[in-house]
Amino acid sequence: MASSPPFPKTQQLCTDFDREAGARAKEAKQPIDNLPGWPCVSLSDRASIEELLYRELYASDLETVAPRLWIMSTQSGANVEPLHRQRIKGREILVTEDPRLHLVWIHDRIFIKPIPKYLLSHHFWEHFLMCKPPVRGARQDLIQRAATGYLRSYRYLIQHESDFNMAKQDHLRLVPRHVEWPEFCRFISNFARIEDIDVSPRYHYGEIRLSRLNFYAPFVFGKFHFQKAHGQYSDYFARFYGPILFAFAVASTVLSSMQVEMAVEQVSASQGVVLCRAKRPRAHAPPPDASSRTFGPGFLTGTAMR
């Protein structure tokens, strides 16, 4: 596990946690003592911050079944289309705060989690995310690897300035408003060298289809569905079309084979009857008896003439 934040301090996009910024805030009588975006979470309460980060960044169910996600998605963290390609595919970008739904898509929708401001701070990474000493498998380690993979996904989501402009639209706000394209480009370029070993297992994959997650949920997650995201019964019953059609095809094949077998047996039986009749000897009619012969009037006439 890395022992330093994935980006240098000179390229951080949030300076609210720095001592200089804190000093300026104190002079303005607005001390920064709460987590940005979470006014009720004090920076001095490390236990609450760790619990919050675990809930906001770590998708426990997907992380648990990550070794089996290959049956639902391409095993590549780069399997993420940029935002402009999402629109070309006709997908509506929906904001979600649930880490389970980040990069999950269904039909014409894809869910994306906005970048929290605190993850753009070098100071925050040093004091709240980096394990010292590193303990593989500890809760803080799980959070740090999930945060790294989550930010790495934005390297694929925002590849062009057009993607960046889409991300800053008012109805999305995937990136904080104060961030500009040149500085974001420098910041996100640091994640190009992040390998799969540095991120949590969920981020060894990119986009995941929600219909597949729901289909395999009873077998993989032990529950009836992963996430309800439809309002029509047609989408619900469409999950069962495949298995039903497969069972119908198997039954049709079995019945057809049985019919063919029965037809072959009937043909074989009829051919046997014909052969038996062909081999049976014919009964010849007995020769006529002399006493039973009848003579016409011509015979008597001939006798009389002699």
C-alpha atoms as a PDB file:
ATOM      1  CA  MET A   1       0.000   0.000   0.000  1.00  0.00           C
ATOM      2  CA  ALA A   2       1.227   3.514  -0.819  1.00  0.00           C
ATOM      3  CA  SER A   3       2.640   5.500   2.085  1.00  0.00           C
ATOM      4  CA  SER A   4       1.799   8.918   0.611  1.00  0.00           C
ATOM      5  CA  PRO A   5      -1.246  10.480  -1.070  1.00  0.00           C
ATOM      6  CA  PRO A   6      -1.695   9.652  -4.784  1.00  0.00           C
ATOM      7  CA  PHE A   7      -1.077  13.283  -5.783  1.00  0.00           C
ATOM      8  CA  PRO A   8       1.484  15.902  -4.696  1.00  0.00           C
ATOM      9  CA  LYS A   9       0.518  18.772  -2.450  1.00  0.00           C
ATOM     10  CA  THR A  10       1.281  21.294  -5.183  1.00  0.00           C
ATOM     11  CA  GLN A  11      -1.527  19.820  -7.294  1.00  0.00           C
ATOM     12  CA  GLN A  12      -4.213  19.497  -4.630  1.00  0.00           C
ATOM     13  CA  LEU A  13      -7.562  21.093  -5.444  1.00  0.00           C
ATOM     14  CA  CYS A  14      -8.702  21.786  -1.877  1.00  0.00           C
ATOM     15  CA  THR A  15      -6.656  23.871   0.569  1.00  0.00           C
ATOM     16  CA  ASP A  16      -9.271  24.190   3.315  1.00  0.00           C
ATOM     17  CA  PHE A  17      -7.329  21.877   5.628  1.00  0.00           C
ATOM     18  CA  ASP A  18      -3.957  23.558   5.290  1.00  0.00           C
ATOM     19  CA  ARG A  19      -2.616  25.521   8.221  1.00  0.00           C
ATOM     20  CA  GLU A  20      -2.360  28.704   6.158  1.00  0.00           C
ATOM     21  CA  ALA A  21      -5.963  28.396   5.033  1.00  0.00           C
ATOM     22  CA  GLY A  22      -6.996  27.580   8.592  1.00  0.00           C
ATOM     23  CA  ALA A  23      -5.214  30.645   9.881  1.00  0.00           C
ATOM     24  CA  ARG A  24      -6.983  32.849   7.333  1.00  0.00           C
ATOM     25  CA  ALA A  25     -10.305  31.275   8.267  1.00  0.00           C
ATOM     26  CA  LYS A  26      -9.691  31.971  11.959  1.00  0.00           C
ATOM     27  CA  GLU A  27      -8.930  35.608  11.195  1.00  0.00           C
ATOM     28  CA  ALA A  28     -12.282  35.753   9.435  1.00  0.00           C
ATOM     29  CA  LYS A  29     -13.890  34.183  12.555  1.00  0.00           C
ATOM     30  CA  GLN A  30     -14.869  31.135  10.526  1.00  0.00           C
ATOM     31  CA  PRO A  31     -12.606  28.362  11.824  1.00  0.00           C
ATOM     32  CA  ILE A  32     -12.595  25.138   9.818  1.00  0.00           C
ATOM     33  CA  ASP A  33     -13.406  22.552  12.435  1.00  0.00           C
ATOM     34  CA  ASN A  34     -15.919  20.453  10.503  1.00  0.00           C
ATOM     35  CA  LEU A  35     -15.620  18.148   7.533  1.00  0.00           C
ATOM     36  CA  PRO A  36     -16.560  20.018   4.316  1.00  0.00           C
ATOM     37  CA  GLY A  37     -20.045  19.012   3.296  1.00  0.00           C
ATOM     38  CA  TRP A  38     -20.710  17.541   6.732  1.00  0.00           C
ATOM     39  CA  PRO A  39     -21.219  20.374   9.248  1.00  0.00           C
ATOM     40  CA  CYS A  40     -22.132  17.934  12.024  1.00  0.00           C
ATOM     41  CA  VAL A  41     -18.873  15.942  11.759  1.00  0.00           C
ATOM     42  CA  SER A  42     -16.017  17.461  13.727  1.00  0.00           C
ATOM     43  CA  LEU A  43     -12.460  17.054  12.463  1.00  0.00           C
ATOM     44  CA  SER A  44     -11.397  16.245  16.010  1.00  0.00           C
ATOM     45  CA  ASP A  45     -13.666  13.193  16.119  1.00  0.00           C
ATOM     46  CA  ARG A  46     -11.563  10.689  14.176  1.00  0.00           C
ATOM     47  CA  ALA A  47     -13.886   7.776  14.964  1.00  0.00           C
ATOM     48  CA  SER A  48     -16.860   9.566  13.413  1.00  0.00           C
ATOM     49  CA  ILE A  49     -14.814  10.535  10.368  1.00  0.00           C
ATOM     50  CA  GLU A  50     -13.649   6.958   9.855  1.00  0.00           C
ATOM     51  CA  GLU A  51     -17.219   5.694  10.130  1.00  0.00           C
ATOM     52  CA  LEU A  52     -18.373   8.333   7.656  1.00  0.00           C
ATOM     53  CA  LEU A  53     -15.631   7.524   5.153  1.00  0.00           C
ATOM     54  CA  TYR A  54     -16.375   3.817   5.377  1.00  0.00           C
ATOM     55  CA  ARG A  55     -20.040   4.454   4.683  1.00  0.00           C
ATOM     56  CA  GLU A  56     -19.421   6.977   1.890  1.00  0.00           C
ATOM     57  CA  LEU A  57     -16.565   5.293   0.020  1.00  0.00           C
ATOM     58  CA  TYR A  58     -16.549   1.557   0.714  1.00  0.00           C
ATOM     59  CA  ALA A  59     -19.109  -0.624  -1.106  1.00  0.00           C
ATOM     60  CA  SER A  60     -18.934  -3.610   1.242  1.00  0.00           C
ATOM     61  CA  ASP A  61     -21.221  -5.957  -0.704  1.00  0.00           C
ATOM     62  CA  LEU A  62     -19.449  -5.405  -4.039  1.00  0.00           C
ATOM     63  CA  GLU A  63     -16.052  -5.665  -2.368  1.00  0.00           C
ATOM     64  CA  THR A  64     -17.042  -8.984  -0.785  1.00  0.00           C
ATOM     65  CA  VAL A  65     -18.132 -10.600  -4.059  1.00  0.00           C
ATOM     66  CA  ALA A  66     -15.473  -8.908  -6.223  1.00  0.00           C
ATOM     67  CA  PRO A  67     -13.830 -12.249  -7.196  1.00  0.00           C
ATOM     68  CA  ARG A  68     -17.133 -13.226  -8.857  1.00  0.00           C
ATOM     69  CA  LEU A  69     -17.917  -9.918 -10.559  1.00  0.00           C
ATOM     70  CA  TRP A  70     -16.319 -11.195 -13.775  1.00  0.00           C
ATOM     71  CA  ILE A  71     -19.619 -12.906 -14.631  1.00  0.00           C
ATOM     72  CA  MET A  72     -21.348  -9.495 -14.588  1.00  0.00           C
ATOM     73  CA  SER A  73     -18.749  -7.134 -16.043  1.00  0.00           C
ATOM     74  CA  THR A  74     -15.458  -6.904 -17.915  1.00  0.00           C
ATOM     75  CA  GLN A  75     -12.556  -7.386 -15.532  1.00  0.00           C
ATOM     76  CA  SER A  76     -10.816  -4.088 -16.194  1.00  0.00           C
ATOM     77  CA  GLY A  77     -10.783  -0.886 -14.198  1.00  0.00           C
ATOM     78  CA  ALA A  78     -10.583   0.976 -17.508  1.00  0.00           C
ATOM     79  CA  ASN A  79     -14.015  -0.300 -18.553  1.00  0.00           C
ATOM     80  CA  VAL A  80     -15.482   3.165 -18.047  1.00  0.00           C
ATOM     81  CA  GLU A  81     -16.800   5.360 -20.851  1.00  0.00           C
ATOM     82  CA  PRO A  82     -16.193   9.142 -20.584  1.00  0.00           C
ATOM     83  CA  LEU A  83     -19.183  11.374 -19.915  1.00  0.00           C
ATOM     84  CA  HIS A  84     -19.643  12.471 -23.531  1.00  0.00           C
ATOM     85  CA  ARG A  85     -19.749   8.827 -24.625  1.00  0.00           C
ATOM     86  CA  GLN A  86     -22.395   8.144 -21.984  1.00  0.00           C
ATOM     87  CA  ARG A  87     -24.585  10.759 -23.635  1.00  0.00           C
ATOM     88  CA  ILE A  88     -23.875   9.360 -27.105  1.00  0.00           C
ATOM     89  CA  LYS A  89     -25.164   6.012 -25.853  1.00  0.00           C
ATOM     90  CA  GLY A  90     -28.338   7.757 -24.749  1.00  0.00           C
ATOM     91  CA  ARG A  91     -27.679   7.345 -21.028  1.00  0.00           C
ATOM     92  CA  GLU A  92     -28.903   9.863 -18.525  1.00  0.00           C
ATOM     93  CA  ILE A  93     -26.349  10.661 -15.827  1.00  0.00           C
ATOM     94  CA  LEU A  94     -27.902  10.373 -12.374  1.00  0.00           C
ATOM     95  CA  VAL A  95     -26.188  11.600  -9.213  1.00  0.00           C
ATOM     96  CA  THR A  96     -25.904   9.104  -6.372  1.00  0.00           C
ATOM     97  CA  GLU A  97     -24.239   9.300  -2.976  1.00  0.00           C
ATOM     98  CA  ASP A  98     -24.264   5.526  -2.547  1.00  0.00           C
ATOM     99  CA  PRO A  99     -20.816   4.030  -3.340  1.00  0.00           C
ATOM    100  CA  ARG A 100     -22.533   0.757  -4.293  1.00  0.00           C
ATOM    101  CA  LEU A 101     -24.160   2.454  -7.291  1.00  0.00           C
ATOM    102  CA  HIS A 102     -21.150   4.355  -8.603  1.00  0.00           C
ATOM    103  CA  LEU A 103     -20.667   3.334 -12.290  1.00  0.00           C
ATOM    104  CA  VAL A 104     -23.703   1.030 -12.179  1.00  0.00           C
ATOM    105  CA  TRP A 105     -26.020   1.418 -15.178  1.00  0.00           C
ATOM    106  CA  ILE A 106     -29.384   0.152 -16.345  1.00  0.00           C
ATOM    107  CA  HIS A 107     -31.100   0.751 -19.689  1.00  0.00           C
ATOM    108  CA  ASP A 108     -30.645   4.484 -20.390  1.00  0.00           C
ATOM    109  CA  ARG A 109     -29.299   5.534 -16.984  1.00  0.00           C
ATOM    110  CA  ILE A 110     -25.933   5.463 -15.232  1.00  0.00           C
ATOM    111  CA  PHE A 111     -25.264   6.384 -11.604  1.00  0.00           C
ATOM    112  CA  ILE A 112     -22.194   8.464 -10.715  1.00  0.00           C
ATOM    113  CA  LYS A 113     -21.074   9.633  -7.293  1.00  0.00           C
ATOM    114  CA  PRO A 114     -19.759  13.245  -7.145  1.00  0.00           C
ATOM    115  CA  ILE A 115     -16.240  13.871  -5.834  1.00  0.00           C
ATOM    116  CA  PRO A 116     -16.311  15.020  -2.196  1.00  0.00           C
ATOM    117  CA  LYS A 117     -14.267  18.134  -1.629  1.00  0.00           C
ATOM    118  CA  TYR A 118     -12.192  16.602   1.165  1.00  0.00           C
ATOM    119  CA  LEU A 119     -10.747  13.932  -1.169  1.00  0.00           C
ATOM    120  CA  LEU A 120      -9.037  16.706  -3.132  1.00  0.00           C
ATOM    121  CA  SER A 121      -6.967  17.776  -0.107  1.00  0.00           C
ATOM    122  CA  HIS A 122      -3.422  16.492   0.394  1.00  0.00           C
ATOM    123  CA  HIS A 123      -3.617  17.337   4.097  1.00  0.00           C
ATOM    124  CA  PHE A 124      -6.796  15.254   4.532  1.00  0.00           C
ATOM    125  CA  TRP A 125      -5.207  12.227   2.876  1.00  0.00           C
ATOM    126  CA  GLU A 126      -2.154  12.456   5.113  1.00  0.00           C
ATOM    127  CA  HIS A 127      -4.074  12.733   8.366  1.00  0.00           C
ATOM    128  CA  PHE A 128      -7.202  10.663   7.795  1.00  0.00           C
ATOM    129  CA  LEU A 129      -6.608   8.162   4.999  1.00  0.00           C
ATOM    130  CA  MET A 130      -2.996   7.013   5.098  1.00  0.00           C
ATOM    131  CA  CYS A 131      -2.194   4.160   7.514  1.00  0.00           C
ATOM    132  CA  LYS A 132       0.918   4.648   9.649  1.00  0.00           C
ATOM    133  CA  PRO A 133       2.201   2.001   9.910  1.00  0.00           C
ATOM    134  CA  PRO A 134       0.282   0.337   7.051  1.00  0.00           C
ATOM    135  CA  VAL A 135      -1.787  -2.629   8.143  1.00  0.00           C
ATOM    136  CA  ARG A 136      -3.106  -4.639   5.208  1.00  0.00           C
ATOM    137  CA  GLY A 137      -6.774  -5.453   5.680  1.00  0.00           C
ATOM    138  CA  ALA A 138      -7.399  -2.870   8.427  1.00  0.00           C
ATOM    139  CA  ARG A 139     -10.493  -0.731   8.068  1.00  0.00           C
ATOM    140  CA  GLN A 140      -8.489   2.402   7.311  1.00  0.00           C
ATOM    141  CA  ASP A 141      -6.581   0.519   4.642  1.00  0.00           C
ATOM    142  CA  LEU A 142      -9.862  -0.614   3.034  1.00  0.00           C
ATOM    143  CA  ILE A 143     -11.126   2.970   2.976  1.00  0.00           C
ATOM    144  CA  GLN A 144      -7.886   4.319   1.510  1.00  0.00           C
ATOM    145  CA  ARG A 145      -7.813   1.754  -1.304  1.00  0.00           C
ATOM    146  CA  ALA A 146     -11.497   2.350  -2.088  1.00  0.00           C
ATOM    147  CA  ALA A 147     -10.916   6.125  -2.200  1.00  0.00           C
ATOM    148  CA  THR A 148      -7.970   5.642  -4.566  1.00  0.00           C
ATOM    149  CA  GLY A 149      -9.995   3.435  -6.899  1.00  0.00           C
ATOM    150  CA  TYR A 150     -12.937   5.826  -6.760  1.00  0.00           C
ATOM    151  CA  LEU A 151     -10.809   8.815  -7.792  1.00  0.00           C
ATOM    152  CA  ARG A 152      -9.100   6.707 -10.470  1.00  0.00           C
ATOM    153  CA  SER A 153     -12.503   6.104 -12.077  1.00  0.00           C
ATOM    154  CA  TYR A 154     -12.735   9.853 -12.745  1.00  0.00           C
ATOM    155  CA  ARG A 155      -9.618   9.599 -14.884  1.00  0.00           C
ATOM    156  CA  TYR A 156     -11.780   7.632 -17.332  1.00  0.00           C
ATOM    157  CA  LEU A 157     -15.008   9.591 -16.813  1.00  0.00           C
ATOM    158  CA  ILE A 158     -13.395  12.970 -17.515  1.00  0.00           C
ATOM    159  CA  GLN A 159     -10.912  12.717 -20.376  1.00  0.00           C
ATOM    160  CA  HIS A 160     -11.779  15.847 -22.353  1.00  0.00           C
ATOM    161  CA  GLU A 161     -12.712  19.414 -21.540  1.00  0.00           C
ATOM    162  CA  SER A 162     -16.219  18.665 -22.797  1.00  0.00           C
ATOM    163  CA  ASP A 163     -16.486  15.917 -20.168  1.00  0.00           C
ATOM    164  CA  PHE A 164     -15.298  18.379 -17.543  1.00  0.00           C
ATOM    165  CA  ASN A 165     -17.886  20.971 -18.576  1.00  0.00           C
ATOM    166  CA  MET A 166     -20.615  18.338 -18.372  1.00  0.00           C
ATOM    167  CA  ALA A 167     -19.428  17.322 -14.901  1.00  0.00           C
ATOM    168  CA  LYS A 168     -19.725  20.918 -13.660  1.00  0.00           C
ATOM    169  CA  GLN A 169     -23.289  21.419 -14.857  1.00  0.00           C
ATOM    170  CA  ASP A 170     -25.589  22.670 -12.124  1.00  0.00           C
ATOM    171  CA  HIS A 171     -27.798  19.580 -12.108  1.00  0.00           C
ATOM    172  CA  LEU A 172     -24.762  17.290 -11.698  1.00  0.00           C
ATOM    173  CA  ARG A 173     -21.913  19.038  -9.843  1.00  0.00           C
ATOM    174  CA  LEU A 174     -19.693  15.957 -10.079  1.00  0.00           C
ATOM    175  CA  VAL A 175     -16.689  18.240  -9.534  1.00  0.00           C
ATOM    176  CA  PRO A 176     -16.585  21.177  -7.067  1.00  0.00           C
ATOM    177  CA  ARG A 177     -17.554  24.462  -8.664  1.00  0.00           C
ATOM    178  CA  HIS A 178     -14.276  26.282  -7.945  1.00  0.00           C
ATOM    179  CA  VAL A 179     -12.114  23.733  -9.808  1.00  0.00           C
ATOM    180  CA  GLU A 180     -10.961  24.663 -13.325  1.00  0.00           C
ATOM    181  CA  TRP A 181     -10.060  22.378 -16.212  1.00  0.00           C
ATOM    182  CA  PRO A 182      -6.227  22.920 -16.329  1.00  0.00           C
ATOM    183  CA  GLU A 183      -5.737  22.227 -12.607  1.00  0.00           C
ATOM    184  CA  PHE A 184      -8.126  19.287 -12.668  1.00  0.00           C
ATOM    185  CA  CYS A 185      -6.284  17.825 -15.632  1.00  0.00           C
ATOM    186  CA  ARG A 186      -2.986  18.015 -13.728  1.00  0.00           C
ATOM    187  CA  PHE A 187      -4.577  16.555 -10.607  1.00  0.00           C
ATOM    188  CA  ILE A 188      -6.268  13.582 -12.266  1.00  0.00           C
ATOM    189  CA  SER A 189      -3.216  12.725 -14.388  1.00  0.00           C
ATOM    190  CA  ASN A 190      -1.552  11.416 -11.200  1.00  0.00           C
ATOM    191  CA  PHE A 191      -3.949   8.463 -11.211  1.00  0.00           C
ATOM    192  CA  ALA A 192      -2.647   7.178 -14.540  1.00  0.00           C
ATOM    193  CA  ARG A 193       0.089   5.304 -12.660  1.00  0.00           C
ATOM    194  CA  ILE A 194      -2.305   3.736 -10.134  1.00  0.00           C
ATOM    195  CA  GLU A 195      -2.425  -0.047 -10.614  1.00  0.00           C
ATOM    196  CA  ASP A 196      -5.113  -2.518  -9.562  1.00  0.00           C
ATOM    197  CA  ILE A 197      -2.995  -3.620  -6.614  1.00  0.00           C
ATOM    198  CA  ASP A 198      -3.358  -0.090  -5.192  1.00  0.00           C
ATOM    199  CA  VAL A 199      -7.168  -0.015  -5.289  1.00  0.00           C
ATOM    200  CA  SER A 200      -9.933  -2.061  -3.684  1.00  0.00           C
ATOM    201  CA  PRO A 201     -11.175  -5.180  -5.555  1.00  0.00           C
ATOM    202  CA  ARG A 202     -14.412  -3.508  -6.652  1.00  0.00           C
ATOM    203  CA  TYR A 203     -12.406  -1.033  -8.755  1.00  0.00           C
ATOM    204  CA  HIS A 204     -10.701  -3.844 -10.632  1.00  0.00           C
ATOM    205  CA  TYR A 205     -13.911  -3.475 -12.646  1.00  0.00           C
ATOM    206  CA  GLY A 206     -15.508  -0.426 -14.200  1.00  0.00           C
ATOM    207  CA  GLU A 207     -19.135  -0.149 -15.243  1.00  0.00           C
ATOM    208  CA  ILE A 208     -21.488  -2.876 -14.054  1.00  0.00           C
ATOM    209  CA  ARG A 209     -24.954  -3.596 -15.425  1.00  0.00           C
ATOM    210  CA  LEU A 210     -27.622  -3.378 -12.730  1.00  0.00           C
ATOM    211  CA  SER A 211     -29.860  -5.954 -14.415  1.00  0.00           C
ATOM    212  CA  ARG A 212     -27.087  -8.540 -14.040  1.00  0.00           C
ATOM    213  CA  LEU A 213     -26.480  -7.579 -10.418  1.00  0.00           C
ATOM    214  CA  ASN A 214     -30.182  -8.046  -9.706  1.00  0.00           C
ATOM    215  CA  PHE A 215     -30.329 -11.337 -11.611  1.00  0.00           C
ATOM    216  CA  TYR A 216     -27.412 -12.873  -9.695  1.00  0.00           C
ATOM    217  CA  ALA A 217     -28.327 -11.250  -6.365  1.00  0.00           C
ATOM    218  CA  PRO A 218     -30.020 -14.371  -4.879  1.00  0.00           C
ATOM    219  CA  PHE A 219     -26.942 -16.478  -5.658  1.00  0.00           C
ATOM    220  CA  VAL A 220     -24.170 -13.962  -4.967  1.00  0.00           C
ATOM    221  CA  PHE A 221     -25.517 -11.470  -2.421  1.00  0.00           C
ATOM    222  CA  GLY A 222     -28.021 -13.740  -0.710  1.00  0.00           C
ATOM    223  CA  LYS A 223     -30.932 -11.346  -1.257  1.00  0.00           C
ATOM    224  CA  PHE A 224     -33.705 -11.025  -3.794  1.00  0.00           C
ATOM    225  CA  HIS A 225     -32.258  -7.980  -5.575  1.00  0.00           C
ATOM    226  CA  PHE A 226     -29.221  -5.719  -5.458  1.00  0.00           C
ATOM    227  CA  GLN A 227     -31.039  -2.428  -6.047  1.00  0.00           C
ATOM    228  CA  LYS A 228     -34.543  -1.576  -7.226  1.00  0.00           C
ATOM    229  CA  ALA A 229     -34.290   0.982  -9.996  1.00  0.00           C
ATOM    230  CA  HIS A 230     -37.432   0.516 -12.062  1.00  0.00           C
ATOM    231  CA  GLY A 231     -41.038   1.536 -11.725  1.00  0.00           C
ATOM    232  CA  GLN A 232     -42.671  -0.794 -14.229  1.00  0.00           C
ATOM    233  CA  TYR A 233     -43.544  -4.456 -13.935  1.00  0.00           C
ATOM    234  CA  SER A 234     -42.294  -5.042 -17.478  1.00  0.00           C
ATOM    235  CA  ASP A 235     -38.719  -4.413 -16.324  1.00  0.00           C
ATOM    236  CA  TYR A 236     -39.241  -6.700 -13.356  1.00  0.00           C
ATOM    237  CA  PHE A 237     -40.610  -9.640 -15.331  1.00  0.00           C
ATOM    238  CA  ALA A 238     -38.055  -9.117 -18.097  1.00  0.00           C
ATOM    239  CA  ARG A 239     -35.494 -10.610 -15.705  1.00  0.00           C
ATOM    240  CA  PHE A 240     -37.216 -13.985 -16.081  1.00  0.00           C
ATOM    241  CA  TYR A 241     -37.587 -14.005 -19.874  1.00  0.00           C
ATOM    242  CA  GLY A 242     -34.213 -15.621 -20.432  1.00  0.00           C
ATOM    243  CA  PRO A 243     -34.664 -18.560 -18.029  1.00  0.00           C
ATOM    244  CA  ILE A 244     -38.245 -19.124 -19.196  1.00  0.00           C
ATOM    245  CA  LEU A 245     -37.251 -19.139 -22.869  1.00  0.00           C
ATOM    246  CA  PHE A 246     -34.372 -21.493 -22.108  1.00  0.00           C
ATOM    247  CA  ALA A 247     -36.659 -23.918 -20.259  1.00  0.00           C
ATOM    248  CA  PHE A 248     -39.202 -23.727 -23.081  1.00  0.00           C
ATOM    249  CA  ALA A 249     -36.500 -24.456 -25.680  1.00  0.00           C
ATOM    250  CA  VAL A 250     -35.248 -27.466 -23.701  1.00  0.00           C
ATOM    251  CA  ALA A 251     -38.783 -28.818 -23.263  1.00  0.00           C
ATOM    252  CA  SER A 252     -39.523 -28.335 -26.975  1.00  0.00           C
ATOM    253  CA  THR A 253     -36.324 -30.150 -27.923  1.00  0.00           C
ATOM    254  CA  VAL A 254     -37.118 -33.079 -25.622  1.00  0.00           C
ATOM    255  CA  LEU A 255     -40.699 -33.377 -26.906  1.00  0.00           C
ATOM    256  CA  SER A 256     -39.556 -33.184 -30.525  1.00  0.00           C
ATOM    257  CA  SER A 257     -37.019 -35.949 -29.973  1.00  0.00           C
ATOM    258  CA  MET A 258     -39.695 -38.111 -28.327  1.00  0.00           C
ATOM    259  CA  GLN A 259     -42.010 -37.569 -31.292  1.00  0.00           C
ATOM    260  CA  VAL A 260     -39.277 -38.528 -33.729  1.00  0.00           C
ATOM    261  CA  GLU A 261     -38.528 -41.661 -31.717  1.00  0.00           C
ATOM    262  CA  MET A 262     -42.185 -42.674 -31.666  1.00  0.00           C
ATOM    263  CA  ALA A 263     -42.487 -42.064 -35.410  1.00  0.00           C
ATOM    264  CA  VAL A 264     -39.430 -44.229 -36.065  1.00  0.00           C
ATOM    265  CA  GLU A 265     -40.890 -47.022 -33.944  1.00  0.00           C
ATOM    266  CA  GLN A 266     -44.183 -46.877 -35.864  1.00  0.00           C
ATOM    267  CA  VAL A 267     -42.398 -46.989 -39.233  1.00  0.00           C
ATOM    268  CA  SER A 268     -40.291 -49.925 -38.071  1.00  0.00           C
ATOM    269  CA  ALA A 269     -43.385 -51.806 -36.912  1.00  0.00           C
ATOM    270  CA  SER A 270     -45.248 -51.228 -40.201  1.00  0.00           C
ATOM    271  CA  GLN A 271     -42.233 -52.349 -42.233  1.00  0.00           C
ATOM    272  CA  GLY A 272     -42.084 -55.557 -40.184  1.00  0.00           C
ATOM    273  CA  VAL A 273     -45.729 -56.339 -40.968  1.00  0.00           C
ATOM    274  CA  VAL A 274     -45.154 -55.807 -44.701  1.00  0.00           C
ATOM    275  CA  LEU A 275     -42.117 -58.115 -44.693  1.00  0.00           C
ATOM    276  CA  CYS A 276     -44.047 -60.822 -42.890  1.00  0.00           C
ATOM    277  CA  ARG A 277     -46.825 -60.668 -45.468  1.00  0.00           C
ATOM    278  CA  ALA A 278     -44.324 -60.786 -48.319  1.00  0.00           C
ATOM    279  CA  LYS A 279     -42.634 -63.933 -46.981  1.00  0.00           C
ATOM    280  CA  ARG A 280     -45.923 -65.849 -46.366  1.00  0.00           C
ATOM    281  CA  PRO A 281     -46.549 -68.553 -49.240  1.00  0.00           C
ATOM    282  CA  ARG A 282     -49.557 -67.995 -51.513  1.00  0.00           C
ATOM    283  CA  ALA A 283     -52.475 -70.501 -51.402  1.00  0.00           C
ATOM    284  CA  HIS A 284     -53.068 -71.930 -55.003  1.00  0.00           C
ATOM    285  CA  ALA A 285     -56.615 -72.840 -56.128  1.00  0.00           C
ATOM    286  CA  PRO A 286     -57.215 -76.687 -56.615  1.00  0.00           C
ATOM    287  CA  PRO A 287     -57.549 -77.959 -60.226  1.00  0.00           C
ATOM    288  CA  PRO A 288     -61.151 -78.382 -61.363  1.00  0.00           C
ATOM    289  CA  ASP A 289     -62.675 -81.909 -61.014  1.00  0.00           C
ATOM    290  CA  ALA A 290     -63.643 -83.778 -64.227  1.00  0.00           C
ATOM    291  CA  SER A 291     -67.029 -84.678 -62.829  1.00  0.00           C
ATOM    292  CA  SER A 292     -67.772 -81.134 -62.148  1.00  0.00           C
ATOM    293  CA  ARG A 293     -67.037 -79.999 -65.676  1.00  0.00           C
ATOM    294  CA  THR A 294     -69.970 -78.587 -67.584  1.00  0.00           C
ATOM    295  CA  PHE A 295     -70.371 -78.925 -71.316  1.00  0.00           C
ATOM    296  CA  GLY A 296     -72.187 -76.633 -73.543  1.00  0.00           C
ATOM    297  CA  PRO A 297     -74.831 -77.550 -76.091  1.00  0.00           C
ATOM    298  CA  GLY A 298     -72.257 -77.716 -78.835  1.00  0.00           C
ATOM    299  CA  PHE A 299     -70.721 -80.815 -77.319  1.00  0.00           C
ATOM    300  CA  LEU A 300     -73.995 -82.744 -77.469  1.00  0.00           C
ATOM    301  CA  THR A 301     -74.567 -81.619 -81.033  1.00  0.00           C
ATOM    302  CA  GLY A 302     -71.197 -82.875 -82.091  1.00  0.00           C
ATOM    303  CA  THR A 303     -71.811 -86.308 -80.543  1.00  0.00           C
ATOM    304  CA  ALA A 304     -75.114 -86.687 -82.246  1.00  0.00           C
ATOM    305  CA  MET A 305     -73.679 -85.909 -85.644  1.00  0.00           C
ATOM    306  CA  ARG A 306     -71.183 -88.692 -85.230  1.00  0.00           C
END
